[in-house]
Amino acid sequence: MAGDIPAGTVHQLPDDLRAMLEDRPDLLPLWTALTPLGRNEFICWVEDARQIATRRRRSVRLAEELLEGRRRPCCWQGCIHRTDKAPGRWQQAVLVDKEWR
């Protein structure tokens, strides 16, 4: 079953999120129903956390947002790692100006 869980367009599914989805049969169909870009946004959002505690909170929130019917993470500027489109204004600040840190 581990190989059946789809990832995002740029990001691979990290082991901790894979384990969460395997352990929560209520989440797996919701995750699978997301578009590859939607899954990518959630993965990027979780992986962007700089602290382990933040990553854990985001993983819990990911589950909550899936159950709420959300298709993308709330309050997220979007994946800055995509190469299929030009970055938006905020993403440009992150990539070039490094204003986020």
Foldseek 3Di string as FASTA:
>chain_A
DLVPQDAAPPDDDDPVLSVVCVVDVVQRVLNVPADSQLRHQLRQVLVVDPDPVSSVVSSVVVSVCSVVVDSHDPPGLGDLPDDPDDRDPVSCCCVPVVVPD
